[in-house]
């Protein structure tokens, strides 16, 4: 997984968290829910990044 993808996924998480907090502050349930969904999606992408990195590390360990 490339560094830029990891940065992009983290930025998406922070954007979603900010949108969720904005929804909280303005009592806008729709915005809050959208932010939570965006944050969760970004966290899932980050988990996928970690799995890919772990697989690559295992492969590298056997290639030595």
PDB file of N, CA and C in Angstrom:
ATOM      1  N   UNK A   1       0.857  -1.164   0.000  1.00  0.00           N
ATOM      2  CA  UNK A   1       0.000   0.000   0.000  1.00  0.00           C
ATOM      3  C   UNK A   1       0.900   1.222   0.000  1.00  0.00           C
ATOM      4  N   UNK A   2       0.600   2.132  -0.862  1.00  0.00           N
ATOM      5  CA  UNK A   2       1.415   3.327  -0.996  1.00  0.00           C
ATOM      6  C   UNK A   2       1.164   4.334   0.117  1.00  0.00           C
ATOM      7  N   UNK A   3       2.171   5.107   0.367  1.00  0.00           N
ATOM      8  CA  UNK A   3       2.082   6.121   1.416  1.00  0.00           C
ATOM      9  C   UNK A   3       0.963   7.117   1.134  1.00  0.00           C
ATOM     10  N   UNK A   4       0.814   7.492  -0.134  1.00  0.00           N
ATOM     11  CA  UNK A   4      -0.215   8.481  -0.476  1.00  0.00           C
ATOM     12  C   UNK A   4      -1.621   7.931  -0.213  1.00  0.00           C
ATOM     13  N   UNK A   5      -1.813   6.623  -0.446  1.00  0.00           N
ATOM     14  CA  UNK A   5      -3.110   6.018  -0.142  1.00  0.00           C
ATOM     15  C   UNK A   5      -3.395   6.070   1.351  1.00  0.00           C
ATOM     16  N   UNK A   6      -2.376   5.787   2.156  1.00  0.00           N
ATOM     17  CA  UNK A   6      -2.542   5.807   3.611  1.00  0.00           C
ATOM     18  C   UNK A   6      -2.888   7.222   4.090  1.00  0.00           C
ATOM     19  N   UNK A   7      -2.212   8.208   3.534  1.00  0.00           N
ATOM     20  CA  UNK A   7      -2.477   9.603   3.899  1.00  0.00           C
ATOM     21  C   UNK A   7      -3.895   9.991   3.478  1.00  0.00           C
ATOM     22  N   UNK A   8      -4.283   9.571   2.282  1.00  0.00           N
ATOM     23  CA  UNK A   8      -5.622   9.883   1.788  1.00  0.00           C
ATOM     24  C   UNK A   8      -6.701   9.258   2.678  1.00  0.00           C
ATOM     25  N   UNK A   9      -6.489   8.022   3.089  1.00  0.00           N
ATOM     26  CA  UNK A   9      -7.475   7.358   3.939  1.00  0.00           C
ATOM     27  C   UNK A   9      -7.565   8.020   5.324  1.00  0.00           C
ATOM     28  N   UNK A  10      -6.438   8.448   5.851  1.00  0.00           N
ATOM     29  CA  UNK A  10      -6.447   9.141   7.141  1.00  0.00           C
ATOM     30  C   UNK A  10      -7.155  10.481   7.001  1.00  0.00           C
ATOM     31  N   UNK A  11      -6.913  11.184   5.901  1.00  0.00           N
ATOM     32  CA  UNK A  11      -7.574  12.471   5.665  1.00  0.00           C
ATOM     33  C   UNK A  11      -9.086  12.280   5.547  1.00  0.00           C
ATOM     34  N   UNK A  12      -9.506  11.200   4.888  1.00  0.00           N
ATOM     35  CA  UNK A  12     -10.939  10.908   4.778  1.00  0.00           C
ATOM     36  C   UNK A  12     -11.543  10.650   6.155  1.00  0.00           C
ATOM     37  N   UNK A  13     -10.796   9.952   7.006  1.00  0.00           N
ATOM     38  CA  UNK A  13     -11.282   9.689   8.363  1.00  0.00           C
ATOM     39  C   UNK A  13     -11.459  10.998   9.134  1.00  0.00           C
ATOM     40  N   UNK A  14     -10.465  11.864   9.056  1.00  0.00           N
ATOM     41  CA  UNK A  14     -10.534  13.137   9.775  1.00  0.00           C
ATOM     42  C   UNK A  14     -11.661  14.013   9.233  1.00  0.00           C
ATOM     43  N   UNK A  15     -11.857  14.000   7.920  1.00  0.00           N
ATOM     44  CA  UNK A  15     -12.943  14.763   7.314  1.00  0.00           C
ATOM     45  C   UNK A  15     -14.297  14.248   7.810  1.00  0.00           C
ATOM     46  N   UNK A  16     -14.450  12.938   7.846  1.00  0.00           N
ATOM     47  CA  UNK A  16     -15.691  12.350   8.338  1.00  0.00           C
ATOM     48  C   UNK A  16     -15.936  12.677   9.799  1.00  0.00           C
ATOM     49  N   UNK A  17     -14.876  12.640  10.605  1.00  0.00           N
ATOM     50  CA  UNK A  17     -15.001  12.962  12.028  1.00  0.00           C
ATOM     51  C   UNK A  17     -15.404  14.421  12.209  1.00  0.00           C
ATOM     52  N   UNK A  18     -14.813  15.299  11.408  1.00  0.00           N
ATOM     53  CA  UNK A  18     -15.158  16.715  11.486  1.00  0.00           C
ATOM     54  C   UNK A  18     -16.612  16.947  11.083  1.00  0.00           C
ATOM     55  N   UNK A  19     -17.044  16.266  10.035  1.00  0.00           N
ATOM     56  CA  UNK A  19     -18.425  16.397   9.576  1.00  0.00           C
ATOM     57  C   UNK A  19     -19.392  15.880  10.640  1.00  0.00           C
ATOM     58  N   UNK A  20     -19.006  14.785  11.285  1.00  0.00           N
ATOM     59  CA  UNK A  20     -19.839  14.228  12.357  1.00  0.00           C
ATOM     60  C   UNK A  20     -19.953  15.215  13.527  1.00  0.00           C
ATOM     61  N   UNK A  21     -18.846  15.817  13.913  1.00  0.00           N
ATOM     62  CA  UNK A  21     -18.861  16.796  15.009  1.00  0.00           C
ATOM     63  C   UNK A  21     -19.669  18.037  14.628  1.00  0.00           C
ATOM     64  N   UNK A  22     -19.560  18.454  13.376  1.00  0.00           N
ATOM     65  CA  UNK A  22     -20.351  19.587  12.898  1.00  0.00           C
ATOM     66  C   UNK A  22     -21.837  19.249  13.006  1.00  0.00           C
ATOM     67  N   UNK A  23     -22.200  18.047  12.623  1.00  0.00           N
ATOM     68  CA  UNK A  23     -23.589  17.606  12.751  1.00  0.00           C
ATOM     69  C   UNK A  23     -24.054  17.606  14.190  1.00  0.00           C
ATOM     70  N   UNK A  24     -23.174  17.201  15.102  1.00  0.00           N
ATOM     71  CA  UNK A  24     -23.495  17.246  16.534  1.00  0.00           C
ATOM     72  C   UNK A  24     -23.741  18.680  16.987  1.00  0.00           C
ATOM     73  N   UNK A  25     -22.828  19.568  16.578  1.00  0.00           N
ATOM     74  CA  UNK A  25     -22.906  20.956  17.034  1.00  0.00           C
ATOM     75  C   UNK A  25     -24.138  21.677  16.494  1.00  0.00           C
ATOM     76  N   UNK A  26     -24.579  21.309  15.297  1.00  0.00           N
ATOM     77  CA  UNK A  26     -25.717  21.990  14.686  1.00  0.00           C
ATOM     78  C   UNK A  26     -27.021  21.209  14.829  1.00  0.00           C
ATOM     79  N   UNK A  27     -26.977  20.114  15.583  1.00  0.00           N
ATOM     80  CA  UNK A  27     -28.142  19.238  15.756  1.00  0.00           C
ATOM     81  C   UNK A  27     -28.700  18.768  14.418  1.00  0.00           C
ATOM     82  N   UNK A  28     -27.828  18.506  13.479  1.00  0.00           N
ATOM     83  CA  UNK A  28     -28.211  18.018  12.158  1.00  0.00           C
ATOM     84  C   UNK A  28     -27.887  16.528  12.104  1.00  0.00           C
ATOM     85  N   UNK A  29     -28.911  15.710  12.282  1.00  0.00           N
ATOM     86  CA  UNK A  29     -28.704  14.267  12.356  1.00  0.00           C
ATOM     87  C   UNK A  29     -28.200  13.686  11.032  1.00  0.00           C
ATOM     88  N   UNK A  30     -28.649  14.257   9.920  1.00  0.00           N
ATOM     89  CA  UNK A  30     -28.219  13.747   8.617  1.00  0.00           C
ATOM     90  C   UNK A  30     -26.720  13.964   8.422  1.00  0.00           C
ATOM     91  N   UNK A  31     -26.244  15.153   8.720  1.00  0.00           N
ATOM     92  CA  UNK A  31     -24.817  15.454   8.587  1.00  0.00           C
ATOM     93  C   UNK A  31     -24.002  14.589   9.539  1.00  0.00           C
ATOM     94  N   UNK A  32     -24.517  14.431  10.743  1.00  0.00           N
ATOM     95  CA  UNK A  32     -23.842  13.598  11.736  1.00  0.00           C
ATOM     96  C   UNK A  32     -23.716  12.155  11.225  1.00  0.00           C
ATOM     97  N   UNK A  33     -24.789  11.621  10.682  1.00  0.00           N
ATOM     98  CA  UNK A  33     -24.776  10.252  10.182  1.00  0.00           C
ATOM     99  C   UNK A  33     -23.857  10.101   8.974  1.00  0.00           C
ATOM    100  N   UNK A  34     -23.876  11.081   8.074  1.00  0.00           N
ATOM    101  CA  UNK A  34     -22.983  11.041   6.914  1.00  0.00           C
ATOM    102  C   UNK A  34     -21.520  11.055   7.353  1.00  0.00           C
ATOM    103  N   UNK A  35     -21.208  11.902   8.327  1.00  0.00           N
ATOM    104  CA  UNK A  35     -19.837  11.976   8.837  1.00  0.00           C
ATOM    105  C   UNK A  35     -19.406  10.667   9.472  1.00  0.00           C
ATOM    106  N   UNK A  36     -20.308  10.060  10.246  1.00  0.00           N
ATOM    107  CA  UNK A  36     -19.986   8.783  10.881  1.00  0.00           C
ATOM    108  C   UNK A  36     -19.761   7.699   9.829  1.00  0.00           C
ATOM    109  N   UNK A  37     -20.569   7.704   8.785  1.00  0.00           N
ATOM    110  CA  UNK A  37     -20.420   6.708   7.717  1.00  0.00           C
ATOM    111  C   UNK A  37     -19.106   6.913   6.968  1.00  0.00           C
ATOM    112  N   UNK A  38     -18.761   8.163   6.683  1.00  0.00           N
ATOM    113  CA  UNK A  38     -17.507   8.454   5.992  1.00  0.00           C
ATOM    114  C   UNK A  38     -16.310   8.046   6.842  1.00  0.00           C
ATOM    115  N   UNK A  39     -16.396   8.333   8.138  1.00  0.00           N
ATOM    116  CA  UNK A  39     -15.306   7.975   9.050  1.00  0.00           C
ATOM    117  C   UNK A  39     -15.147   6.458   9.115  1.00  0.00           C
ATOM    118  N   UNK A  40     -16.258   5.750   9.217  1.00  0.00           N
ATOM    119  CA  UNK A  40     -16.209   4.292   9.281  1.00  0.00           C
ATOM    120  C   UNK A  40     -15.647   3.687   8.000  1.00  0.00           C
ATOM    121  N   UNK A  41     -16.041   4.229   6.867  1.00  0.00           N
ATOM    122  CA  UNK A  41     -15.533   3.730   5.581  1.00  0.00           C
ATOM    123  C   UNK A  41     -14.024   3.937   5.483  1.00  0.00           C
ATOM    124  N   UNK A  42     -13.566   5.084   5.924  1.00  0.00           N
ATOM    125  CA  UNK A  42     -12.130   5.364   5.889  1.00  0.00           C
ATOM    126  C   UNK A  42     -11.371   4.440   6.839  1.00  0.00           C
ATOM    127  N   UNK A  43     -11.953   4.157   7.998  1.00  0.00           N
ATOM    128  CA  UNK A  43     -11.311   3.244   8.941  1.00  0.00           C
ATOM    129  C   UNK A  43     -11.234   1.838   8.365  1.00  0.00           C
ATOM    130  N   UNK A  44     -12.252   1.437   7.619  1.00  0.00           N
ATOM    131  CA  UNK A  44     -12.222   0.122   6.973  1.00  0.00           C
ATOM    132  C   UNK A  44     -11.114   0.070   5.923  1.00  0.00           C
ATOM    133  N   UNK A  45     -10.947   1.158   5.180  1.00  0.00           N
ATOM    134  CA  UNK A  45      -9.869   1.216   4.194  1.00  0.00           C
ATOM    135  C   UNK A  45      -8.510   1.124   4.889  1.00  0.00           C
ATOM    136  N   UNK A  46      -8.372   1.784   6.035  1.00  0.00           N
ATOM    137  CA  UNK A  46      -7.119   1.740   6.777  1.00  0.00           C
ATOM    138  C   UNK A  46      -6.847   0.324   7.289  1.00  0.00           C
ATOM    139  N   UNK A  47      -7.888  -0.374   7.716  1.00  0.00           N
ATOM    140  CA  UNK A  47      -7.720  -1.760   8.156  1.00  0.00           C
ATOM    141  C   UNK A  47      -7.238  -2.613   6.992  1.00  0.00           C
ATOM    142  N   UNK A  48      -7.787  -2.374   5.812  1.00  0.00           N
ATOM    143  CA  UNK A  48      -7.322  -3.085   4.619  1.00  0.00           C
ATOM    144  C   UNK A  48      -5.867  -2.788   4.319  1.00  0.00           C
ATOM    145  N   UNK A  49      -5.465  -1.543   4.527  1.00  0.00           N
ATOM    146  CA  UNK A  49      -4.061  -1.176   4.335  1.00  0.00           C
ATOM    147  C   UNK A  49      -3.167  -1.985   5.260  1.00  0.00           C
ATOM    148  N   UNK A  50      -3.587  -2.123   6.512  1.00  0.00           N
ATOM    149  CA  UNK A  50      -2.799  -2.860   7.499  1.00  0.00           C
ATOM    150  C   UNK A  50      -2.700  -4.336   7.125  1.00  0.00           C
ATOM    151  N   UNK A  51      -3.788  -4.910   6.640  1.00  0.00           N
ATOM    152  CA  UNK A  51      -3.773  -6.319   6.229  1.00  0.00           C
ATOM    153  C   UNK A  51      -2.820  -6.510   5.052  1.00  0.00           C
ATOM    154  N   UNK A  52      -2.881  -5.603   4.085  1.00  0.00           N
ATOM    155  CA  UNK A  52      -1.984  -5.709   2.933  1.00  0.00           C
ATOM    156  C   UNK A  52      -0.526  -5.576   3.366  1.00  0.00           C
ATOM    157  N   UNK A  53      -0.257  -4.652   4.283  1.00  0.00           N
ATOM    158  CA  UNK A  53       1.108  -4.477   4.772  1.00  0.00           C
ATOM    159  C   UNK A  53       1.586  -5.725   5.513  1.00  0.00           C
ATOM    160  N   UNK A  54       0.720  -6.312   6.319  1.00  0.00           N
ATOM    161  CA  UNK A  54       1.087  -7.514   7.064  1.00  0.00           C
ATOM    162  C   UNK A  54       1.383  -8.661   6.102  1.00  0.00           C
ATOM    163  N   UNK A  55       0.557  -8.805   5.079  1.00  0.00           N
ATOM    164  CA  UNK A  55       0.809  -9.843   4.083  1.00  0.00           C
ATOM    165  C   UNK A  55       2.119  -9.637   3.368  1.00  0.00           C
ATOM    166  N   UNK A  56       2.423  -8.391   3.042  1.00  0.00           N
ATOM    167  CA  UNK A  56       3.676  -8.075   2.372  1.00  0.00           C
ATOM    168  C   UNK A  56       4.860  -8.377   3.294  1.00  0.00           C
ATOM    169  N   UNK A  57       4.718  -8.067   4.590  1.00  0.00           N
ATOM    170  CA  UNK A  57       5.798  -8.335   5.545  1.00  0.00           C
ATOM    171  C   UNK A  57       6.037  -9.825   5.687  1.00  0.00           C
ATOM    172  N   UNK A  58       4.976 -10.611   5.696  1.00  0.00           N
ATOM    173  CA  UNK A  58       5.117 -12.065   5.792  1.00  0.00           C
ATOM    174  C   UNK A  58       5.808 -12.601   4.547  1.00  0.00           C
ATOM    175  N   UNK A  59       5.374 -12.124   3.395  1.00  0.00           N
ATOM    176  CA  UNK A  59       5.991 -12.556   2.138  1.00  0.00           C
ATOM    177  C   UNK A  59       7.479 -12.216   2.125  1.00  0.00           C
ATOM    178  N   UNK A  60       7.815 -11.009   2.564  1.00  0.00           N
ATOM    179  CA  UNK A  60       9.207 -10.588   2.596  1.00  0.00           C
ATOM    180  C   UNK A  60      10.033 -11.454   3.547  1.00  0.00           C
ATOM    181  N   UNK A  61       9.424 -11.881   4.657  1.00  0.00           N
ATOM    182  CA  UNK A  61      10.139 -12.703   5.623  1.00  0.00           C
ATOM    183  C   UNK A  61      10.494 -14.060   5.012  1.00  0.00           C
ATOM    184  N   UNK A  62       9.617 -14.603   4.176  1.00  0.00           N
ATOM    185  CA  UNK A  62       9.889 -15.897   3.553  1.00  0.00           C
ATOM    186  C   UNK A  62      10.818 -15.786   2.349  1.00  0.00           C
ATOM    187  N   UNK A  63      10.895 -14.608   1.768  1.00  0.00           N
ATOM    188  CA  UNK A  63      11.749 -14.423   0.605  1.00  0.00           C
ATOM    189  C   UNK A  63      13.220 -14.239   0.981  1.00  0.00           C
ATOM    190  N   UNK A  64      13.493 -14.076   2.233  1.00  0.00           N
ATOM    191  CA  UNK A  64      14.896 -13.829   2.663  1.00  0.00           C
ATOM    192  C   UNK A  64      15.723 -15.053   2.599  1.00  0.00           C
TER     193      UNK A  64
END
